[in-house]
Amino acid sequence: LRLFISDTALPKLLRSPSLKTIIELYAAGEIDPRGGTIFDFASKRPSVKAKTLFRQLDKRLLLGSAWSLYFAPRESGSGSDAQSAADTGGGTGSAKTDIAFHYNVSNAFYRLFLDPEMLYTCAYFQDWDNDLATAQQDKLEMICRKLQLKPGDRLLDIGCGWGGLICYAAEHHGVDAVGVTLSEEQAKLARERVRDRGLEARVSVELKDYREYKGQFDKISSIGMFEHVGIDNHDDYYRHVNRLLKPRGLYLHHAITRRGKKDLSKFRRKKPEYQTLVRYIFPGGEVDHIGWTLTNLESHGFEVHDVEAWREHYARTTRLWAENLMEAREEAISEVGEEKYRLWLAYLCGVSLGFERGSIGIFQTVATKRTRGLSGMPPTREDLYRS
């Protein structure tokens, strides 16, 4: 197992020794782990960071690159997928533009690494050896149980993806469901699935911002959507969710988090790994810490009942996605090109390692719309694990 670094990559690494540079060079094929995968390389060198990678390079190669370093022209932009992503990332665009950047790649591309239902959120492993399809179905059932779904309930799924949850909830729990998304690609396929399953009378998919929706619901879910909201918009988000929920209605909040800090004024300072995630894959995205989530829920009229960490589940999920994408390499390159394939592979591997090492986390939080009197919640969690 070794790390290949091209001659043209060395000057770029020396000029700009950052994770951003490494990602761009990996996407372009100028650096590459040989004899194994990114996971293999990380397991052999678990403590290697971007800033120390350069100290491990062959000093003769560095010396030989000195001429190129000082006399090679600086690129004003090569038009690469990685650099284009960097230029458009960072959260300055509209929510619809940011969502489109990530989810409108192509449905065919996502099919290459997701489960058959195309669930692009953390799976739930009742056994770590379960396959991805089983774990994703178990995730849907767990969400429905946490929301205590029953026939006649009105469910709103904010950021419904390709419609997996709303279809499952209607088929298995008898609810009337509405899914909202800002992705045209997702909405189109989700509507096709609703029609194919004969659920048009009970399930609808809306291409709109959740804030535009009127009416109230018995249950609301937000599965992997909150990361796109942005910290400056959190108050607005929680107010709208509370408005859309009936008194004592249940809300399930499923979102990625960062570790909290003693000095909250430093929390929004982004480490290189986090900057890269936002820059290349989730433009406009920001995540909070679980303490902030709970405080926001309570301060916006919710009562929190249940909090569960799923970090290890997401480490496993994203590793399986990455492995699936590697197995479908040729099809992926045919669909999106080699550079974008490598960019996505780096993202999935990097995120999996982030969850595995605990630098990022994910929680499912269940809350009710606060009102006087009893909440109506069951006395124990036993109903979540019934056979």
Protein backbone atom coordinates (compact mmCIF):
# COMPACT_ATOMS: atom_id res chain seq x y z
CA LEU A 1 0.00 0.00 0.00
CA ARG A 2 1.49 3.33 -1.04
CA LEU A 3 0.40 6.84 -1.90
CA PHE A 4 1.01 7.84 -5.52
CA ILE A 5 1.75 11.54 -5.99
CA SER A 6 2.35 12.85 -9.51
CA ASP A 7 5.20 15.22 -10.34
CA THR A 8 2.70 17.95 -11.21
CA ALA A 9 0.94 17.50 -7.87
CA LEU A 10 3.98 18.25 -5.73
CA PRO A 11 4.26 21.95 -6.61
CA LYS A 12 0.55 22.38 -5.92
CA LEU A 13 0.85 20.63 -2.57
CA LEU A 14 3.80 22.80 -1.58
CA ARG A 15 2.16 26.00 -2.75
CA SER A 16 -1.12 25.27 -0.96
CA PRO A 17 -0.74 22.54 1.69
CA SER A 18 -4.41 22.08 2.58
CA LEU A 19 -7.13 19.47 2.57
CA LYS A 20 -8.81 21.43 -0.24
CA THR A 21 -5.73 20.89 -2.41
CA ILE A 22 -5.61 17.18 -1.58
CA ILE A 23 -9.28 16.74 -2.52
CA GLU A 24 -8.78 18.55 -5.84
CA LEU A 25 -5.68 16.51 -6.65
CA TYR A 26 -7.36 13.24 -5.71
CA ALA A 27 -10.37 14.09 -7.88
CA ALA A 28 -8.01 14.80 -10.78
CA GLY A 29 -6.12 11.52 -10.20
CA GLU A 30 -2.87 13.31 -9.32
CA ILE A 31 -2.71 11.63 -5.92
CA ASP A 32 -4.05 8.16 -5.33
CA PRO A 33 -3.70 5.31 -2.81
CA ARG A 34 -2.20 2.38 -4.71
CA GLY A 35 -2.62 -1.23 -3.63
CA GLY A 36 -5.76 -0.51 -1.63
CA THR A 37 -8.61 1.90 -0.95
CA ILE A 38 -8.88 5.17 0.94
CA PHE A 39 -10.16 3.11 3.89
CA ASP A 40 -7.08 0.87 3.73
CA PHE A 41 -4.78 3.89 3.63
CA ALA A 42 -6.58 5.51 6.58
CA SER A 43 -6.40 2.31 8.65
CA LYS A 44 -2.64 2.06 8.08
CA ARG A 45 -2.11 5.74 8.85
CA PRO A 46 -4.94 6.63 11.24
CA SER A 47 -3.23 9.73 12.63
CA VAL A 48 -2.10 11.31 9.36
CA LYS A 49 -3.49 14.80 8.85
CA ALA A 50 -3.22 17.05 5.82
CA LYS A 51 -0.63 19.30 7.43
CA THR A 52 1.64 16.36 8.34
CA LEU A 53 1.30 14.52 5.03
CA PHE A 54 3.83 16.80 3.40
CA ARG A 55 6.48 15.97 6.02
CA GLN A 56 6.29 12.33 4.93
CA LEU A 57 6.99 13.01 1.26
CA ASP A 58 10.34 11.97 -0.19
CA LYS A 59 12.62 14.98 0.34
CA ARG A 60 14.35 14.34 -2.99
CA LEU A 61 11.02 14.64 -4.77
CA LEU A 62 10.34 17.89 -2.96
CA LEU A 63 13.74 19.26 -3.93
CA GLY A 64 13.19 18.23 -7.53
CA SER A 65 9.90 20.10 -7.53
CA ALA A 66 11.38 23.37 -6.29
CA TRP A 67 11.89 24.72 -9.79
CA SER A 68 8.26 23.97 -10.71
CA LEU A 69 7.07 25.45 -7.45
CA TYR A 70 8.61 28.85 -8.08
CA PHE A 71 8.24 29.11 -11.83
CA ALA A 72 5.05 27.20 -12.70
CA PRO A 73 2.14 29.53 -13.55
CA ARG A 74 -0.66 29.74 -11.03
CA GLU A 75 -3.91 28.39 -12.45
CA SER A 76 -6.78 30.83 -12.65
CA GLY A 77 -9.14 27.86 -12.87
CA SER A 78 -9.10 24.63 -14.82
CA GLY A 79 -12.81 24.11 -14.97
CA SER A 80 -12.54 20.85 -13.02
CA ASP A 81 -15.51 19.44 -11.13
CA ALA A 82 -13.67 19.80 -7.84
CA GLN A 83 -12.72 23.41 -8.44
CA SER A 84 -16.16 24.25 -9.79
CA ALA A 85 -17.65 22.80 -6.64
CA ALA A 86 -15.28 24.86 -4.55
CA ASP A 87 -16.19 28.03 -6.40
CA THR A 88 -19.93 27.50 -5.94
CA GLY A 89 -19.84 26.19 -2.38
CA GLY A 90 -19.91 27.96 0.92
CA GLY A 91 -23.54 28.74 1.50
CA THR A 92 -23.96 31.95 -0.47
CA GLY A 93 -26.63 30.67 -2.84
CA SER A 94 -30.36 30.13 -2.43
CA ALA A 95 -31.67 27.02 -0.69
CA LYS A 96 -33.05 25.68 -3.97
CA THR A 97 -29.73 26.20 -5.76
CA ASP A 98 -27.81 24.54 -2.92
CA ILE A 99 -30.14 21.52 -2.92
CA ALA A 100 -29.96 21.21 -6.71
CA PHE A 101 -26.14 21.25 -6.59
CA HIS A 102 -26.15 18.12 -4.42
CA TYR A 103 -29.24 16.14 -5.36
CA ASN A 104 -29.66 16.85 -9.06
CA VAL A 105 -26.55 14.89 -10.06
CA SER A 106 -28.76 12.16 -11.58
CA ASN A 107 -31.02 9.52 -10.15
CA ALA A 108 -29.04 6.90 -12.07
CA PHE A 109 -25.85 7.88 -10.24
CA TYR A 110 -27.44 7.50 -6.80
CA ARG A 111 -28.85 4.10 -7.76
CA LEU A 112 -25.29 2.84 -8.12
CA PHE A 113 -24.54 3.03 -4.40
CA LEU A 114 -27.82 3.38 -2.49
CA ASP A 115 -30.24 0.60 -1.49
CA PRO A 116 -33.12 -0.36 -3.83
CA GLU A 117 -35.43 2.21 -2.17
CA MET A 118 -32.78 4.93 -2.68
CA LEU A 119 -32.72 6.07 0.94
CA TYR A 120 -29.95 8.65 1.18
CA THR A 121 -29.86 8.93 4.97
CA CYS A 122 -28.41 6.92 7.83
CA ALA A 123 -29.54 3.28 8.00
CA TYR A 124 -30.36 1.47 11.25
CA PHE A 125 -28.48 -1.78 11.90
CA GLN A 126 -30.19 -4.17 14.29
CA ASP A 127 -27.16 -6.34 13.59
CA TRP A 128 -23.89 -4.90 12.27
CA ASP A 129 -23.75 -7.71 9.71
CA ASN A 130 -27.10 -6.79 8.16
CA ASP A 131 -27.01 -5.69 4.54
CA LEU A 132 -27.81 -2.13 3.52
CA ALA A 133 -31.31 -2.88 2.19
CA THR A 134 -32.35 -4.57 5.45
CA ALA A 135 -30.89 -1.78 7.58
CA GLN A 136 -32.69 0.89 5.57
CA GLN A 137 -36.04 -0.88 5.92
CA ASP A 138 -35.41 -1.21 9.66
CA LYS A 139 -34.69 2.54 9.73
CA LEU A 140 -38.04 3.34 8.15
CA GLU A 141 -39.87 1.11 10.61
CA MET A 142 -38.05 2.63 13.59
CA ILE A 143 -38.96 6.16 12.45
CA CYS A 144 -42.61 5.16 12.08
CA ARG A 145 -42.60 3.63 15.56
CA LYS A 146 -40.98 6.68 17.12
CA LEU A 147 -43.65 8.84 15.46
CA GLN A 148 -46.35 6.40 16.68
CA LEU A 149 -47.93 6.44 13.24
CA LYS A 150 -51.43 5.01 12.92
CA PRO A 151 -54.15 4.91 10.24
CA GLY A 152 -55.60 8.35 9.58
CA ASP A 153 -52.57 10.33 10.78
CA ARG A 154 -51.42 13.17 8.54
CA LEU A 155 -47.63 13.02 8.11
CA LEU A 156 -45.40 15.74 6.65
CA ASP A 157 -41.90 14.67 5.62
CA ILE A 158 -39.68 17.73 5.16
CA GLY A 159 -37.02 16.94 2.58
CA CYS A 160 -38.66 13.71 1.44
CA GLY A 161 -35.93 12.60 -0.95
CA TRP A 162 -37.16 9.97 -3.39
CA GLY A 163 -40.26 9.28 -1.30
CA GLY A 164 -39.09 6.24 0.64
CA LEU A 165 -40.52 7.20 4.03
CA ILE A 166 -43.86 8.58 2.87
CA CYS A 167 -44.56 5.50 0.74
CA TYR A 168 -43.51 3.13 3.52
CA ALA A 169 -45.59 4.97 6.14
CA ALA A 170 -48.68 4.88 3.92
CA GLU A 171 -48.26 1.21 2.99
CA HIS A 172 -47.35 -0.14 6.42
CA HIS A 173 -49.02 2.28 8.85
CA GLY A 174 -52.00 3.62 6.94
CA VAL A 175 -51.16 7.33 7.10
CA ASP A 176 -51.92 10.13 4.67
CA ALA A 177 -48.52 11.58 3.81
CA VAL A 178 -47.13 14.69 2.15
CA GLY A 179 -43.48 14.97 1.14
CA VAL A 180 -41.80 18.25 0.23
CA THR A 181 -38.48 18.65 -1.58
CA LEU A 182 -36.59 21.33 -3.48
CA SER A 183 -35.01 18.84 -5.88
CA GLU A 184 -36.74 18.42 -9.24
CA GLU A 185 -34.97 15.10 -9.83
CA GLN A 186 -36.17 13.73 -6.51
CA ALA A 187 -39.74 14.98 -6.91
CA LYS A 188 -40.07 13.43 -10.36
CA LEU A 189 -38.97 9.96 -9.26
CA ALA A 190 -40.89 10.14 -5.96
CA ARG A 191 -44.12 10.90 -7.83
CA GLU A 192 -43.49 7.98 -10.19
CA ARG A 193 -43.08 5.69 -7.19
CA VAL A 194 -46.31 6.93 -5.63
CA ARG A 195 -48.17 6.21 -8.88
CA ASP A 196 -46.52 2.81 -9.36
CA ARG A 197 -47.63 1.74 -5.88
CA GLY A 198 -51.17 3.04 -6.29
CA LEU A 199 -50.82 5.52 -3.43
CA GLU A 200 -52.01 8.71 -5.19
CA ALA A 201 -55.06 9.01 -2.91
CA ARG A 202 -52.95 9.00 0.26
CA VAL A 203 -49.49 10.26 -0.70
CA SER A 204 -48.43 13.45 -2.48
CA VAL A 205 -45.05 14.98 -3.31
CA GLU A 206 -44.69 18.77 -3.50
CA LEU A 207 -41.82 20.62 -5.16
CA LYS A 208 -41.76 23.54 -2.75
CA ASP A 209 -40.13 25.02 0.32
CA TYR A 210 -41.60 23.62 3.55
CA ARG A 211 -42.24 27.21 4.68
CA GLU A 212 -44.77 27.64 1.88
CA TYR A 213 -46.95 24.80 3.13
CA LYS A 214 -50.22 25.55 4.89
CA GLY A 215 -52.32 23.50 7.27
CA GLN A 216 -51.37 21.31 10.23
CA PHE A 217 -50.17 17.75 10.64
CA ASP A 218 -50.34 15.09 13.34
CA LYS A 219 -46.73 14.06 12.76
CA ILE A 220 -43.72 15.70 11.09
CA SER A 221 -40.39 14.14 10.16
CA SER A 222 -37.15 15.78 9.06
CA ILE A 223 -34.64 13.11 8.04
CA GLY A 224 -31.26 14.43 6.90
CA MET A 225 -32.71 17.75 5.71
CA PHE A 226 -31.81 20.04 8.62
CA GLU A 227 -28.14 20.21 7.59
CA HIS A 228 -29.19 22.33 4.61
CA VAL A 229 -31.06 24.95 6.65
CA GLY A 230 -28.07 26.96 7.92
CA ILE A 231 -27.55 28.10 11.51
CA ASP A 232 -28.76 31.63 10.81
CA ASN A 233 -32.10 30.15 9.72
CA HIS A 234 -32.65 27.77 12.65
CA ASP A 235 -35.09 30.02 14.51
CA ASP A 236 -37.21 30.38 11.39
CA TYR A 237 -37.10 26.63 10.80
CA TYR A 238 -38.28 25.64 14.28
CA ARG A 239 -41.02 28.27 14.27
CA HIS A 240 -42.44 26.93 11.01
CA VAL A 241 -42.29 23.30 12.13
CA ASN A 242 -44.09 24.21 15.34
CA ARG A 243 -46.75 26.10 13.37
CA LEU A 244 -47.32 23.12 11.07
CA LEU A 245 -47.74 20.68 13.96
CA LYS A 246 -50.99 20.10 15.84
CA PRO A 247 -50.97 20.42 19.67
CA ARG A 248 -49.27 17.33 21.16
CA GLY A 249 -48.22 16.39 17.64
CA LEU A 250 -44.96 14.46 17.26
CA TYR A 251 -41.84 15.71 15.52
CA LEU A 252 -38.83 13.51 14.67
CA HIS A 253 -35.59 15.41 14.07
CA HIS A 254 -32.81 13.36 12.43
CA ALA A 255 -29.67 15.42 11.82
CA ILE A 256 -25.88 15.35 11.68
CA THR A 257 -24.08 17.20 14.48
CA ARG A 258 -20.64 18.41 15.47
CA ARG A 259 -19.13 18.16 18.92
CA GLY A 260 -19.98 21.06 21.20
CA LYS A 261 -17.36 23.47 22.50
CA LYS A 262 -16.92 25.14 25.87
CA ASP A 263 -16.64 28.48 24.10
CA LEU A 264 -19.67 28.62 21.80
CA SER A 265 -18.29 31.72 20.09
CA LYS A 266 -15.74 29.39 18.46
CA PHE A 267 -18.29 26.78 17.39
CA ARG A 268 -18.90 28.20 13.92
CA ARG A 269 -15.20 28.21 13.08
CA LYS A 270 -14.88 25.45 10.54
CA LYS A 271 -12.02 22.95 10.58
CA PRO A 272 -10.51 22.00 7.19
CA GLU A 273 -12.48 18.74 7.03
CA TYR A 274 -15.75 20.54 7.66
CA GLN A 275 -14.92 23.33 5.22
CA THR A 276 -14.23 20.74 2.55
CA LEU A 277 -17.55 18.96 3.16
CA VAL A 278 -19.49 22.22 2.77
CA ARG A 279 -17.39 23.45 -0.13
CA TYR A 280 -17.63 20.38 -2.35
CA ILE A 281 -20.74 18.40 -1.47
CA PHE A 282 -23.14 20.36 0.74
CA PRO A 283 -23.04 24.02 -0.34
CA GLY A 284 -25.05 26.06 2.13
CA GLY A 285 -24.84 23.31 4.74
CA GLU A 286 -24.16 23.82 8.44
CA VAL A 287 -24.59 21.51 11.42
CA ASP A 288 -25.09 22.32 15.09
CA HIS A 289 -24.35 20.32 18.26
CA ILE A 290 -26.93 18.23 20.09
CA GLY A 291 -27.12 20.65 23.01
CA TRP A 292 -28.04 23.44 20.63
CA THR A 293 -30.68 21.21 19.02
CA LEU A 294 -32.35 20.50 22.35
CA THR A 295 -32.22 24.13 23.45
CA ASN A 296 -33.77 25.26 20.17
CA LEU A 297 -36.54 22.71 20.40
CA GLU A 298 -37.43 23.72 23.94
CA SER A 299 -37.24 27.44 23.23
CA HIS A 300 -39.55 27.08 20.21
CA GLY A 301 -42.43 25.34 21.92
CA PHE A 302 -41.42 21.67 21.91
CA GLU A 303 -41.03 19.13 24.71
CA VAL A 304 -38.16 16.70 24.12
CA HIS A 305 -38.89 13.05 24.95
CA ASP A 306 -36.20 10.93 23.35
CA VAL A 307 -32.64 11.42 22.06
CA GLU A 308 -30.67 8.60 20.42
CA ALA A 309 -27.16 8.65 18.96
CA TRP A 310 -26.75 6.91 15.60
CA ARG A 311 -23.10 7.83 14.89
CA GLU A 312 -21.87 4.27 14.42
CA HIS A 313 -24.86 3.48 12.23
CA TYR A 314 -23.88 6.28 9.86
CA ALA A 315 -20.23 5.20 9.84
CA ARG A 316 -21.43 1.79 8.66
CA THR A 317 -23.95 3.24 6.18
CA THR A 318 -21.49 5.55 4.45
CA ARG A 319 -18.82 2.84 4.31
CA LEU A 320 -21.28 0.56 2.50
CA TRP A 321 -22.19 3.39 0.12
CA ALA A 322 -18.51 3.95 -0.65
CA GLU A 323 -17.92 0.24 -1.21
CA ASN A 324 -20.94 0.07 -3.52
CA LEU A 325 -19.66 3.05 -5.49
CA MET A 326 -16.21 1.48 -5.84
CA GLU A 327 -17.80 -1.72 -7.14
CA ALA A 328 -19.78 0.32 -9.68
CA ARG A 329 -16.75 2.38 -10.75
CA GLU A 330 -17.13 1.91 -14.50
CA GLU A 331 -20.86 2.67 -14.48
CA ALA A 332 -20.31 5.72 -12.27
CA ILE A 333 -17.61 7.13 -14.54
CA SER A 334 -19.87 6.57 -17.54
CA GLU A 335 -22.65 8.47 -15.75
CA VAL A 336 -20.82 11.46 -14.24
CA GLY A 337 -17.20 11.32 -15.41
CA GLU A 338 -14.09 10.13 -13.59
CA GLU A 339 -13.37 13.35 -11.72
CA LYS A 340 -16.84 13.62 -10.23
CA TYR A 341 -16.78 9.90 -9.39
CA ARG A 342 -13.51 10.35 -7.50
CA LEU A 343 -14.85 13.47 -5.76
CA TRP A 344 -17.90 11.58 -4.51
CA LEU A 345 -15.81 8.59 -3.47
CA ALA A 346 -13.51 10.84 -1.45
CA TYR A 347 -16.57 12.44 0.15
CA LEU A 348 -18.22 9.14 1.14
CA CYS A 349 -14.96 7.67 2.48
CA GLY A 350 -14.12 10.86 4.34
CA VAL A 351 -17.55 11.17 5.93
CA SER A 352 -17.49 7.52 6.98
CA LEU A 353 -14.11 8.01 8.64
CA GLY A 354 -15.43 11.17 10.30
CA PHE A 355 -18.31 9.26 11.89
CA GLU A 356 -16.05 6.34 12.76
CA ARG A 357 -13.56 8.59 14.56
CA GLY A 358 -16.24 10.69 16.24
CA SER A 359 -15.44 14.06 14.68
CA ILE A 360 -19.06 14.23 13.51
CA GLY A 361 -22.17 12.61 14.95
CA ILE A 362 -25.86 12.16 14.29
CA PHE A 363 -28.88 12.06 16.58
CA GLN A 364 -32.56 11.22 16.31
CA THR A 365 -34.63 13.42 18.60
CA VAL A 366 -38.36 12.99 19.27
CA ALA A 367 -40.38 15.92 20.59
CA THR A 368 -44.02 16.94 20.95
CA LYS A 369 -45.60 20.32 20.44
CA ARG A 370 -45.81 21.57 24.00
CA THR A 371 -49.19 22.18 25.57
CA ARG A 372 -50.67 22.08 29.06
CA GLY A 373 -51.33 18.69 30.55
CA LEU A 374 -49.92 15.27 29.74
CA SER A 375 -48.12 14.70 26.47
CA GLY A 376 -49.73 11.35 25.70
CA MET A 377 -46.37 9.65 25.20
CA PRO A 378 -46.03 5.97 26.24
CA PRO A 379 -44.43 5.28 29.64
CA THR A 380 -41.46 3.29 28.23
CA ARG A 381 -39.56 2.72 24.96
CA GLU A 382 -40.71 -0.90 24.85
CA ASP A 383 -43.04 -0.30 21.90
CA LEU A 384 -40.05 0.66 19.73
CA TYR A 385 -38.57 -2.84 19.97
CA ARG A 386 -41.61 -5.10 19.78
CA SER A 387 -41.36 -8.01 17.35
